[in-house]
Amino acid sequence: MKVGDLVKNLDALDRCDLGLIVKVKPPSADDWLSRYLVQWLDPPEGRAGTSWNSDKWLEKV
């Protein structure tokens, strides 16, 4: 995935559906690392508009 990709959230805890990747950290030996900063299109009230996510929690649309 890369900056500008539209993604779907697969992690129910975040409660956000669709977003755009706005920043990507370089790969790391830590495969659990949340590398993708996502700007959520319609975040729930009281939630941040962005969050760092692992590729395990995202699906490219």
Protein backbone atom coordinates (compact mmCIF):
# COMPACT_ATOMS: atom_id res chain seq x y z
CA MET A 1 0.00 0.00 0.00
CA LYS A 2 1.09 3.56 -0.63
CA VAL A 3 0.15 7.17 0.05
CA GLY A 4 -3.16 8.00 -1.60
CA ASP A 5 -4.61 4.49 -1.46
CA LEU A 6 -8.22 4.16 -0.32
CA VAL A 7 -8.39 1.55 2.42
CA LYS A 8 -11.02 -0.29 4.40
CA ASN A 9 -10.51 -0.87 8.11
CA LEU A 10 -10.64 -4.52 9.16
CA ASP A 11 -10.11 -3.74 12.87
CA ALA A 12 -13.47 -3.38 14.59
CA LEU A 13 -11.92 -1.57 17.57
CA ASP A 14 -11.13 1.54 15.51
CA ARG A 15 -14.78 1.89 14.36
CA CYS A 16 -13.82 3.73 11.16
CA ASP A 17 -14.75 2.31 7.77
CA LEU A 18 -12.89 4.00 4.91
CA GLY A 19 -9.84 6.20 4.79
CA LEU A 20 -6.90 7.42 2.75
CA ILE A 21 -3.29 6.58 3.51
CA VAL A 22 -1.52 9.90 4.09
CA LYS A 23 1.90 8.72 5.34
CA VAL A 24 3.91 5.50 5.30
CA LYS A 25 6.82 4.64 7.61
CA PRO A 26 9.74 2.67 6.12
CA PRO A 27 9.66 -1.13 6.51
CA SER A 28 11.02 -2.52 9.75
CA ALA A 29 11.99 -5.87 11.20
CA ASP A 30 8.96 -5.45 13.45
CA ASP A 31 6.18 -6.80 11.23
CA TRP A 32 3.55 -5.74 13.79
CA LEU A 33 4.54 -2.10 13.33
CA SER A 34 1.73 0.29 12.47
CA ARG A 35 3.30 1.77 9.33
CA TYR A 36 0.31 3.49 7.73
CA LEU A 37 -1.17 6.80 8.84
CA VAL A 38 -4.78 6.83 7.67
CA GLN A 39 -7.04 9.87 7.39
CA TRP A 40 -10.51 8.48 8.05
CA LEU A 41 -13.29 9.79 5.82
CA ASP A 42 -16.03 9.71 8.46
CA PRO A 43 -14.59 9.05 11.92
CA PRO A 44 -17.07 8.47 14.76
CA GLU A 45 -17.72 11.40 17.08
CA GLY A 46 -15.00 11.70 19.68
CA ARG A 47 -12.44 9.73 17.65
CA ALA A 48 -9.32 11.15 16.04
CA GLY A 49 -9.49 11.81 12.31
CA THR A 50 -6.24 9.92 11.76
CA SER A 51 -4.64 6.80 13.19
CA TRP A 52 -1.57 4.64 12.62
CA ASN A 53 -2.44 1.16 11.36
CA SER A 54 -0.74 -2.10 10.50
CA ASP A 55 -1.25 -3.63 7.06
CA LYS A 56 -2.94 -6.49 8.92
CA TRP A 57 -5.77 -4.11 9.82
CA LEU A 58 -6.23 -2.57 6.37
CA GLU A 59 -7.52 -3.74 3.02
CA LYS A 60 -6.92 -1.74 -0.16
CA VAL A 61 -10.22 -0.88 -1.87
